[in-house]
Amino acid sequence: MKKLVAYITAGFPSSNFTVDLALSLKEAGVDSLELGIPFSDPVADGPIIEQANLKALQNGFKIDHLFDISQQIGKEIDTLWMGYFNPFYHRGMGIFTDKAKEFGVSGFIIPDLPHEEAVAYASLMKEKELSLISFVAPTDSHERIKQVVEHSSKFIYLVAYAGITGSGASEDLSETIISIRKSSATPVYVGFGVDEKTAKEKARGVDGVIVGSAFVKILLDDSLSNSQKIVKISDLARVIKEIINEA
């Protein structure tokens, strides 16, 4: 069975909503939750996720809200914290790793932390039995891929194209996947531009997919009530899970 990782924005529209949505996604077959930490300059994210980030911050999101949410869901659904390095740096990686261990959070996804800087935290992650997810792009050379994935854990995040999330671009990933497989036995998940229309194609040759903008778009739909948003996002997750396991 191929895995489905769902990205949602922590605290948007509220912390209680995020908890309810996370638990509903678990019931819908989502394997891991990528819990996004709202940030004012999400450089790797497209306009949909950026808008959700800004709305969450306008609503008063603080890192303590992330911790409160995670305390309620971390032992219920496999959860990773996705965020830009600035909040981790200012609060302290030691604080985040301690809290992650306490709440049952399994790892971090930090898209703007280069591999060369990420290695500085390898011993801390190992000590706390946490994963710091490795990123590979289709523009990476075989030598670069080998270097990045050598000590990867949990899964490797294969960026589907050079650009930002949600833009729907497409690239042939077959050579990149082959290169990763030669250097690592860690599962490979594809992210960026994955929705119900592209999931079958994106899932070919990999072990899972990461879906973000397709879910967050529903979060931003003001014509829906909160309960309707949860039902619609969960239904979409079920559809995508079924699709990827037909690939």
Protein backbone atom coordinates (compact mmCIF):
# COMPACT_ATOMS: atom_id res chain seq x y z
CA MET A 1 0.00 0.00 0.00
CA LYS A 2 1.32 3.42 -0.95
CA LYS A 3 1.34 6.09 1.72
CA LEU A 4 -0.54 9.38 1.81
CA VAL A 5 0.88 12.37 3.68
CA ALA A 6 -1.53 15.27 4.19
CA TYR A 7 -0.33 18.82 4.76
CA ILE A 8 -2.61 21.12 6.73
CA THR A 9 -1.90 24.53 8.26
CA ALA A 10 -1.72 24.41 12.05
CA GLY A 11 -4.21 26.64 13.84
CA PHE A 12 -6.23 27.60 10.77
CA PRO A 13 -8.99 28.47 11.25
CA SER A 14 -8.48 27.42 14.90
CA SER A 15 -6.50 24.97 17.01
CA ASN A 16 -9.60 22.91 17.88
CA PHE A 17 -10.47 22.68 14.18
CA THR A 18 -6.95 21.44 13.37
CA VAL A 19 -7.26 18.69 15.98
CA ASP A 20 -10.67 17.60 14.65
CA LEU A 21 -9.41 17.62 11.05
CA ALA A 22 -6.28 15.65 11.91
CA LEU A 23 -8.29 12.90 13.61
CA SER A 24 -10.76 12.82 10.71
CA LEU A 25 -7.88 12.48 8.22
CA LYS A 26 -6.58 9.50 10.16
CA GLU A 27 -9.98 7.83 9.78
CA ALA A 28 -9.90 8.69 6.06
CA GLY A 29 -6.71 6.66 5.58
CA VAL A 30 -4.04 9.35 5.80
CA ASP A 31 -0.80 7.75 6.97
CA SER A 32 1.11 10.83 8.12
CA LEU A 33 0.20 14.42 8.85
CA GLU A 34 2.46 17.26 7.78
CA LEU A 35 1.45 19.93 10.27
CA GLY A 36 2.43 23.26 8.76
CA ILE A 37 3.81 25.97 11.05
CA PRO A 38 2.44 29.34 9.84
CA PHE A 39 5.21 31.67 8.70
CA SER A 40 5.14 35.12 7.10
CA ASP A 41 7.43 34.24 4.18
CA PRO A 42 6.84 30.61 3.11
CA VAL A 43 9.23 30.68 0.15
CA ALA A 44 8.58 27.15 -1.13
CA ASP A 45 4.81 27.44 -0.99
CA GLY A 46 2.42 28.75 -3.57
CA PRO A 47 -0.32 31.35 -3.05
CA ILE A 48 -2.85 28.91 -1.56
CA ILE A 49 -0.70 27.77 1.35
CA GLU A 50 0.78 31.24 1.71
CA GLN A 51 -2.71 32.67 2.16
CA ALA A 52 -3.54 30.10 4.85
CA ASN A 53 -0.26 30.92 6.62
CA LEU A 54 -1.08 34.62 6.68
CA LYS A 55 -4.65 34.07 7.86
CA ALA A 56 -3.43 31.85 10.70
CA LEU A 57 -0.92 34.52 11.78
CA GLN A 58 -3.61 37.21 11.57
CA ASN A 59 -5.75 35.03 13.83
CA GLY A 60 -2.95 35.12 16.42
CA PHE A 61 -1.16 31.82 15.83
CA LYS A 62 1.79 31.21 18.16
CA ILE A 63 4.21 28.27 18.44
CA ASP A 64 2.49 27.31 21.70
CA HIS A 65 -0.63 26.61 19.63
CA LEU A 66 1.42 24.12 17.58
CA PHE A 67 2.50 22.40 20.78
CA ASP A 68 -1.07 22.29 22.12
CA ILE A 69 -2.39 20.76 18.88
CA SER A 70 0.45 18.26 18.71
CA GLN A 71 -0.05 17.16 22.29
CA GLN A 72 -3.58 16.12 21.33
CA ILE A 73 -2.82 14.38 18.03
CA GLY A 74 0.83 13.26 18.10
CA LYS A 75 0.05 9.86 19.57
CA GLU A 76 -3.07 9.41 17.41
CA ILE A 77 -1.69 10.02 13.91
CA ASP A 78 1.91 10.03 12.73
CA THR A 79 2.75 13.74 12.74
CA LEU A 80 5.64 15.75 11.35
CA TRP A 81 6.19 19.45 11.86
CA MET A 82 6.70 21.31 8.59
CA GLY A 83 8.11 24.79 8.89
CA TYR A 84 10.75 27.22 7.77
CA PHE A 85 13.98 27.33 9.73
CA ASN A 86 13.48 30.77 11.29
CA PRO A 87 11.00 29.65 14.01
CA PHE A 88 13.09 26.56 14.82
CA TYR A 89 16.22 28.69 15.12
CA HIS A 90 14.67 31.40 17.28
CA ARG A 91 12.85 29.05 19.66
CA GLY A 92 15.75 26.58 19.65
CA MET A 93 16.03 23.20 17.99
CA GLY A 94 16.51 21.65 21.42
CA ILE A 95 13.11 22.94 22.54
CA PHE A 96 11.44 21.60 19.40
CA THR A 97 13.07 18.19 19.65
CA ASP A 98 12.17 17.89 23.34
CA LYS A 99 8.54 18.82 22.64
CA ALA A 100 8.34 16.53 19.60
CA LYS A 101 9.59 13.60 21.67
CA GLU A 102 7.13 14.42 24.46
CA PHE A 103 4.11 14.68 22.14
CA GLY A 104 4.90 11.74 19.87
CA VAL A 105 5.76 13.88 16.82
CA SER A 106 8.03 11.78 14.59
CA GLY A 107 10.07 14.37 12.70
CA PHE A 108 10.61 17.69 10.99
CA ILE A 109 10.28 18.91 7.41
CA ILE A 110 12.28 22.14 6.92
CA PRO A 111 12.41 23.05 3.22
CA ASP A 112 14.79 26.01 3.53
CA LEU A 113 17.39 24.17 5.62
CA PRO A 114 20.16 23.07 3.21
CA HIS A 115 21.55 19.56 3.58
CA GLU A 116 24.96 20.98 4.53
CA GLU A 117 23.38 22.77 7.52
CA ALA A 118 20.94 19.99 8.38
CA VAL A 119 23.79 17.58 9.15
CA ALA A 120 24.65 19.72 12.18
CA TYR A 121 21.45 18.47 13.81
CA ALA A 122 21.90 14.80 12.94
CA SER A 123 23.13 13.75 16.38
CA LEU A 124 20.33 15.66 18.12
CA MET A 125 17.73 13.98 15.90
CA LYS A 126 19.23 10.55 16.48
CA GLU A 127 19.33 11.09 20.24
CA LYS A 128 15.60 11.93 20.27
CA GLU A 129 14.75 9.23 17.68
CA LEU A 130 13.35 11.86 15.30
CA SER A 131 13.64 12.22 11.53
CA LEU A 132 14.76 15.32 9.65
CA ILE A 133 13.34 14.71 6.18
CA SER A 134 15.75 14.89 3.23
CA PHE A 135 14.74 16.74 0.07
CA VAL A 136 15.67 15.76 -3.49
CA ALA A 137 14.85 17.82 -6.59
CA PRO A 138 14.78 16.67 -10.24
CA THR A 139 17.59 19.14 -10.94
CA ASP A 140 19.96 17.39 -8.49
CA SER A 141 22.93 15.46 -9.91
CA HIS A 142 23.46 11.79 -9.02
CA GLU A 143 26.40 12.81 -6.82
CA ARG A 144 24.25 15.34 -4.99
CA ILE A 145 21.42 12.83 -4.53
CA LYS A 146 23.81 10.24 -3.11
CA GLN A 147 25.12 12.79 -0.61
CA VAL A 148 21.66 13.96 0.48
CA VAL A 149 19.99 10.55 0.90
CA GLU A 150 22.90 8.65 2.44
CA HIS A 151 21.62 9.09 6.00
CA SER A 152 17.95 9.76 5.21
CA SER A 153 15.23 8.37 7.46
CA LYS A 154 11.45 7.86 7.43
CA PHE A 155 11.05 9.03 3.83
CA ILE A 156 12.74 11.10 1.16
CA TYR A 157 10.76 14.10 -0.06
CA LEU A 158 11.05 14.17 -3.84
CA VAL A 159 10.04 17.59 -5.11
CA ALA A 160 8.02 16.97 -8.27
CA TYR A 161 9.33 20.06 -10.06
CA ALA A 162 11.49 23.11 -9.53
CA GLY A 163 9.19 25.84 -8.24
CA ILE A 164 6.53 26.36 -5.57
CA THR A 165 3.77 24.14 -4.26
CA GLY A 166 0.43 24.01 -6.02
CA SER A 167 1.52 25.29 -9.42
CA GLY A 168 0.66 22.00 -11.15
CA ALA A 169 3.87 21.74 -13.15
CA SER A 170 5.09 18.33 -14.28
CA GLU A 171 8.51 16.79 -14.89
CA ASP A 172 9.76 13.31 -15.71
CA LEU A 173 10.99 11.98 -12.38
CA SER A 174 11.98 8.48 -13.50
CA GLU A 175 15.73 9.11 -13.70
CA THR A 176 15.73 10.91 -10.36
CA ILE A 177 13.84 8.02 -8.73
CA ILE A 178 16.32 5.51 -10.17
CA SER A 179 19.19 7.59 -8.83
CA ILE A 180 17.65 7.72 -5.35
CA ARG A 181 17.00 3.96 -5.32
CA LYS A 182 20.65 3.29 -6.16
CA SER A 183 21.78 5.21 -3.09
CA SER A 184 19.11 4.56 -0.46
CA ALA A 185 16.47 2.08 0.66
CA THR A 186 14.50 4.85 2.37
CA PRO A 187 10.94 5.19 0.98
CA VAL A 188 10.44 7.95 -1.62
CA TYR A 189 7.38 10.22 -1.48
CA VAL A 190 6.51 12.76 -4.17
CA GLY A 191 5.22 16.20 -3.22
CA PHE A 192 4.26 19.43 -5.06
CA GLY A 193 1.27 19.51 -7.43
CA VAL A 194 -0.38 16.32 -6.20
CA ASP A 195 -4.19 16.25 -6.25
CA GLU A 196 -6.93 13.87 -7.33
CA LYS A 197 -6.16 14.61 -11.01
CA THR A 198 -2.41 14.06 -10.85
CA ALA A 199 -2.06 11.54 -8.03
CA LYS A 200 -2.05 8.39 -10.17
CA GLU A 201 0.72 9.70 -12.41
CA LYS A 202 2.76 11.13 -9.52
CA ALA A 203 2.54 7.89 -7.52
CA ARG A 204 4.17 5.74 -10.21
CA GLY A 205 7.51 4.36 -9.10
CA VAL A 206 7.40 5.86 -5.60
CA ASP A 207 6.17 4.76 -2.19
CA GLY A 208 3.82 7.60 -1.39
CA VAL A 209 2.61 11.12 -2.14
CA ILE A 210 2.36 14.36 -0.19
CA VAL A 211 -0.76 16.47 -0.74
CA GLY A 212 -1.04 20.05 0.49
CA SER A 213 -2.56 22.75 -1.69
CA ALA A 214 -5.53 20.57 -2.68
CA PHE A 215 -6.54 20.28 0.99
CA VAL A 216 -5.69 23.86 1.99
CA LYS A 217 -7.79 25.18 -0.90
CA ILE A 218 -10.81 23.68 0.86
CA LEU A 219 -9.68 25.19 4.17
CA LEU A 220 -9.83 28.62 2.51
CA ASP A 221 -13.35 28.15 1.09
CA ASP A 222 -15.48 30.57 3.10
CA SER A 223 -18.67 29.18 1.58
CA LEU A 224 -18.24 26.03 3.70
CA SER A 225 -18.81 25.60 7.42
CA ASN A 226 -15.99 24.11 9.49
CA SER A 227 -17.73 20.74 9.67
CA GLN A 228 -18.27 20.79 5.89
CA LYS A 229 -14.57 21.53 5.38
CA ILE A 230 -13.58 18.54 7.48
CA VAL A 231 -15.94 16.23 5.56
CA LYS A 232 -14.81 17.52 2.17
CA ILE A 233 -11.08 17.31 2.94
CA SER A 234 -11.47 13.82 4.42
CA ASP A 235 -13.47 12.65 1.41
CA LEU A 236 -10.78 13.99 -0.91
CA ALA A 237 -8.13 12.15 1.12
CA ARG A 238 -10.04 8.88 0.69
CA VAL A 239 -10.25 9.42 -3.06
CA ILE A 240 -6.53 10.19 -3.40
CA LYS A 241 -5.57 7.22 -1.22
CA GLU A 242 -7.59 4.94 -3.49
CA ILE A 243 -6.11 6.49 -6.64
CA ILE A 244 -2.48 6.12 -5.59
CA ASN A 245 -2.97 2.47 -4.80
CA GLU A 246 -4.16 1.91 -8.35
CA ALA A 247 -0.88 3.33 -9.71
